[in-house]
Protein backbone atom coordinates (compact mmCIF):
# COMPACT_ATOMS: atom_id res chain seq x y z
CA MET A 1 -5.17 19.52 -32.69
CA LEU A 2 -4.31 20.22 -29.03
CA LYS A 3 -6.12 18.06 -26.45
CA TYR A 4 -5.66 20.72 -23.76
CA ARG A 5 -5.78 24.42 -24.69
CA ILE A 6 -4.38 26.71 -22.04
CA ILE A 7 -5.86 30.20 -21.69
CA LEU A 8 -4.46 32.07 -18.72
CA THR A 9 -5.95 35.16 -16.93
CA GLU A 10 -3.98 38.22 -16.83
CA SER A 11 -3.23 37.66 -13.09
CA GLU A 12 -2.05 34.16 -13.88
CA ARG A 13 0.31 35.40 -16.54
CA GLU A 14 1.68 37.98 -14.19
CA GLN A 15 2.14 35.39 -11.50
CA LEU A 16 4.00 33.06 -13.86
CA THR A 17 6.13 35.87 -15.23
CA GLU A 18 7.08 37.14 -11.80
CA LEU A 19 7.98 33.50 -10.71
CA LEU A 20 10.40 33.40 -13.69
CA SER A 21 11.95 36.72 -13.07
CA LYS A 22 12.83 35.92 -9.42
CA GLY A 23 14.37 32.60 -10.50
CA LYS A 24 14.47 31.39 -6.81
CA HIS A 25 12.47 28.28 -7.47
CA ALA A 26 13.11 24.66 -8.33
CA ALA A 27 13.97 24.14 -11.92
CA ARG A 28 11.09 21.74 -12.47
CA LYS A 29 8.62 24.64 -11.38
CA LEU A 30 10.29 27.19 -13.60
CA THR A 31 10.11 24.82 -16.59
CA ARG A 32 6.36 24.27 -15.89
CA ALA A 33 5.86 27.90 -15.69
CA ARG A 34 7.50 28.36 -19.11
CA ILE A 35 5.48 25.63 -20.68
CA LEU A 36 2.22 27.22 -19.35
CA LEU A 37 3.19 30.65 -20.74
CA LEU A 38 4.28 29.17 -24.20
CA SER A 39 0.97 27.16 -24.18
CA HIS A 40 -0.97 30.30 -23.59
CA GLU A 41 0.75 31.97 -26.55
CA GLY A 42 -0.65 29.18 -28.76
CA ARG A 43 2.54 27.32 -29.22
CA THR A 44 2.31 23.71 -30.28
CA ASN A 45 3.71 20.73 -28.04
CA ALA A 46 6.43 20.33 -30.71
CA GLU A 47 7.38 23.93 -30.51
CA ILE A 48 7.51 23.98 -26.72
CA VAL A 49 9.64 20.70 -26.75
CA ASP A 50 12.08 22.32 -29.13
CA ALA A 51 12.16 25.62 -27.29
CA LEU A 52 12.73 24.17 -23.83
CA GLY A 53 14.36 20.85 -24.39
CA VAL A 54 11.75 18.86 -22.45
CA GLY A 55 9.75 15.74 -23.43
CA SER A 56 6.56 15.81 -25.13
CA ALA A 57 5.02 13.77 -22.19
CA THR A 58 6.02 16.53 -19.84
CA VAL A 59 4.34 19.20 -21.91
CA ASP A 60 1.19 17.04 -22.13
CA ARG A 61 1.07 16.38 -18.36
CA VAL A 62 1.59 20.16 -17.50
CA ARG A 63 -1.14 21.11 -19.92
CA LYS A 64 -3.49 18.38 -18.52
CA HIS A 65 -2.94 19.36 -14.88
CA CYS A 66 -3.41 23.05 -15.72
CA ALA A 67 -6.78 22.42 -17.56
CA GLU A 68 -8.10 20.05 -15.01
CA GLU A 69 -6.83 21.51 -11.65
CA GLY A 70 -5.50 24.99 -12.28
CA VAL A 71 -2.21 26.75 -12.64
CA GLU A 72 -1.03 26.14 -9.09
CA ALA A 73 -1.60 22.35 -9.38
CA ALA A 74 0.32 22.29 -12.67
CA LEU A 75 3.37 23.88 -11.04
CA VAL A 76 3.95 21.44 -8.15
CA ASP A 77 5.22 17.91 -8.10
CA ARG A 78 2.64 15.10 -7.28
CA PRO A 79 3.45 12.53 -4.59
CA ARG A 80 5.14 9.56 -5.96
CA PRO A 81 4.22 6.06 -5.31
CA GLY A 82 6.43 3.74 -3.16
CA ALA A 83 7.02 2.56 0.34
CA GLN A 84 7.64 5.16 2.99
CA LEU A 85 11.27 5.10 4.33
CA LYS A 86 11.36 3.37 7.73
CA LEU A 87 13.85 4.35 10.43
CA ASP A 88 14.22 2.31 13.47
CA GLY A 89 16.72 4.56 15.42
CA LYS A 90 19.53 2.04 14.73
CA ARG A 91 20.25 2.89 11.13
CA SER A 92 20.97 6.06 9.22
CA ILE A 93 19.40 7.11 5.95
CA ASN A 94 22.93 7.14 4.38
CA PRO A 95 24.35 3.69 4.54
CA ARG A 96 28.00 5.19 4.63
CA LEU A 97 27.24 6.83 7.87
CA ALA A 98 25.85 3.63 9.49
CA GLY A 99 27.94 2.15 12.09
């Protein structure tokens, strides 16, 4: 049994299909759109994993974000934890460029 069942509106399906047809977006965003469309078709997580070559955790996470926050939220990357990069004007981001 699926924990999160995805049922898209007609406009959401059109939006995702258009996103895929243009192909001018990040690969992660396109993969998430494919996951949502396949989920809407009633495919199981295992079928989506086999079809797209992604991990089952990815499928679970995209379904969860869509169910809880909506389609737009499921398509974007979340901020990642960690310290912010600090620049003091003396160092470059790329250590090979530092003098």
